[in-house]
Amino acid sequence: MADVEALAELRGIEQGKRAAFAAWVAAHAETHLPFVAEVDGSVVGSAWLHIAERVPGNESLDRRYGDVQSVMVREEHRNQGIGAALMTAILAEARAQGLLHVTVHSGRRAVDFYLRNGFSHHRQILLWEPAST
């Protein structure tokens, strides 16, 4: 994928680790879908849709869902609708794939962005984190 180098750079992946990153992207091509935003041929933003499966149930054997990950827009291109365009593309892909729902784990600064883009707070999502030692 031609955009792997740009994706690595946006993620802050050091040059010496980029081959390993490219291998990871290739190995996860079916479960981690990258989306890029370009301006004048340069990648200025990216976001990933992780597709996972829940255990099948009697009501449905296909219980795939999505999780938005690593949304980034270069600072000089923020507040121009690029993040919203990335979300539009991701949610269109989620609909096309028939995903049950899409989650996002947001930092505090980005919560309003996700709310504006159709996400909502949900009372059934709980989080466990291991205790630090």
Protein backbone atom coordinates (compact mmCIF):
# COMPACT_ATOMS: atom_id res chain seq x y z
CA MET A 1 0.00 0.00 0.00
CA ALA A 2 1.48 3.30 -1.11
CA ASP A 3 0.11 5.19 1.90
CA VAL A 4 1.83 2.98 4.52
CA GLU A 5 4.77 5.36 4.78
CA ALA A 6 2.42 8.32 5.31
CA LEU A 7 0.38 6.33 7.83
CA ALA A 8 3.55 5.45 9.73
CA GLU A 9 4.69 9.06 9.75
CA LEU A 10 1.30 10.28 11.02
CA ARG A 11 1.48 7.69 13.82
CA GLY A 12 4.97 8.84 14.76
CA ILE A 13 6.54 5.49 13.88
CA GLU A 14 10.32 5.85 13.82
CA GLN A 15 12.09 5.18 10.51
CA GLY A 16 13.75 2.02 11.85
CA LYS A 17 10.37 0.53 12.79
CA ARG A 18 8.52 1.33 9.56
CA ALA A 19 9.18 -2.03 7.87
CA ALA A 20 7.67 -3.76 10.91
CA PHE A 21 4.73 -1.34 10.78
CA ALA A 22 4.22 -2.09 7.06
CA ALA A 23 4.26 -5.82 7.85
CA TRP A 24 1.68 -5.27 10.61
CA VAL A 25 -0.58 -3.33 8.21
CA ALA A 26 -0.33 -6.12 5.63
CA ALA A 27 -1.01 -8.84 8.23
CA HIS A 28 -4.08 -6.99 9.52
CA ALA A 29 -5.50 -5.86 6.17
CA GLU A 30 -8.82 -7.64 6.72
CA THR A 31 -9.43 -6.38 10.25
CA HIS A 32 -7.86 -2.90 10.33
CA LEU A 33 -8.97 -0.71 7.43
CA PRO A 34 -7.02 2.53 7.02
CA PHE A 35 -8.65 5.64 5.59
CA VAL A 36 -6.58 8.60 4.45
CA ALA A 37 -7.39 12.19 3.63
CA GLU A 38 -5.30 13.96 1.01
CA VAL A 39 -4.86 17.59 0.08
CA ASP A 40 -2.97 18.32 -3.14
CA GLY A 41 -1.68 14.75 -3.23
CA SER A 42 -0.31 14.76 0.33
CA VAL A 43 -1.77 12.70 3.16
CA VAL A 44 -2.98 15.14 5.81
CA GLY A 45 -5.12 12.83 7.93
CA SER A 46 -5.96 9.24 8.65
CA ALA A 47 -8.28 7.04 10.64
CA TRP A 48 -8.67 3.29 11.05
CA LEU A 49 -11.72 1.06 11.28
CA HIS A 50 -11.04 -2.10 13.25
CA ILE A 51 -13.57 -4.79 12.39
CA ALA A 52 -14.12 -7.44 15.06
CA GLU A 53 -16.64 -10.19 15.72
CA ARG A 54 -18.75 -11.00 18.73
CA VAL A 55 -19.62 -14.60 19.47
CA PRO A 56 -22.55 -15.69 17.25
CA GLY A 57 -25.95 -15.88 18.88
CA ASN A 58 -29.24 -17.52 18.02
CA GLU A 59 -30.57 -14.22 16.67
CA SER A 60 -27.58 -13.71 14.37
CA LEU A 61 -24.49 -15.59 13.34
CA ASP A 62 -22.93 -12.42 11.91
CA ARG A 63 -22.20 -10.11 14.84
CA ARG A 64 -19.40 -7.98 13.43
CA TYR A 65 -18.83 -4.51 14.83
CA GLY A 66 -16.35 -1.73 14.28
CA ASP A 67 -14.06 0.38 16.41
CA VAL A 68 -12.62 3.70 15.21
CA GLN A 69 -8.94 4.01 16.01
CA SER A 70 -6.07 6.46 15.61
CA VAL A 71 -7.87 9.40 14.04
CA MET A 72 -5.32 12.08 13.18
CA VAL A 73 -5.36 15.27 11.14
CA ARG A 74 -2.24 17.36 10.75
CA GLU A 75 -2.54 20.46 12.89
CA GLU A 76 -2.36 22.89 9.97
CA HIS A 77 -5.33 21.12 8.34
CA ARG A 78 -7.62 20.89 11.36
CA ASN A 79 -11.02 22.57 11.51
CA GLN A 80 -11.46 22.21 7.74
CA GLY A 81 -13.84 19.22 7.75
CA ILE A 82 -11.14 16.61 7.12
CA GLY A 83 -11.86 14.67 10.30
CA ALA A 84 -15.57 14.73 9.51
CA ALA A 85 -14.85 13.45 5.99
CA LEU A 86 -12.81 10.58 7.46
CA MET A 87 -15.72 9.72 9.81
CA THR A 88 -18.19 9.86 6.90
CA ALA A 89 -16.04 7.38 4.97
CA ILE A 90 -15.62 5.07 7.95
CA LEU A 91 -19.33 5.05 8.79
CA ALA A 92 -20.23 4.45 5.13
CA GLU A 93 -17.92 1.43 5.17
CA ALA A 94 -19.51 0.24 8.42
CA ARG A 95 -22.96 0.44 6.79
CA ALA A 96 -21.73 -1.30 3.63
CA GLN A 97 -20.30 -4.14 5.71
CA GLY A 98 -23.47 -4.42 7.81
CA LEU A 99 -21.69 -3.85 11.13
CA LEU A 100 -23.86 -3.96 14.27
CA HIS A 101 -22.38 -0.77 15.68
CA VAL A 102 -19.19 1.29 15.77
CA THR A 103 -17.40 2.33 18.94
CA VAL A 104 -14.66 4.84 19.58
CA HIS A 105 -12.40 5.33 22.59
CA SER A 106 -11.97 9.08 22.65
CA GLY A 107 -9.73 11.47 24.48
CA ARG A 108 -11.57 14.27 26.26
CA ARG A 109 -10.67 16.85 23.62
CA ALA A 110 -12.30 14.84 20.84
CA VAL A 111 -15.59 13.83 22.51
CA ASP A 112 -17.52 16.74 20.99
CA PHE A 113 -16.12 15.88 17.55
CA TYR A 114 -17.49 12.34 17.78
CA LEU A 115 -20.83 13.54 19.14
CA ARG A 116 -21.12 15.90 16.13
CA ASN A 117 -20.41 12.94 13.86
CA GLY A 118 -23.26 10.75 15.08
CA PHE A 119 -21.75 8.95 18.07
CA SER A 120 -23.46 8.99 21.46
CA HIS A 121 -22.62 8.06 25.01
CA HIS A 122 -23.77 4.54 25.84
CA ARG A 123 -24.49 3.23 29.29
CA GLN A 124 -23.64 -0.40 28.50
CA ILE A 125 -19.99 0.08 27.57
CA LEU A 126 -17.83 -0.73 30.57
CA LEU A 127 -14.05 -0.69 30.80
CA TRP A 128 -11.58 -2.76 32.78
CA GLU A 129 -7.93 -1.78 33.02
CA PRO A 130 -5.23 -3.74 34.84
CA ALA A 131 -3.89 -2.17 38.00
CA SER A 132 -0.51 -0.57 37.57
CA THR A 133 2.23 -2.31 39.48
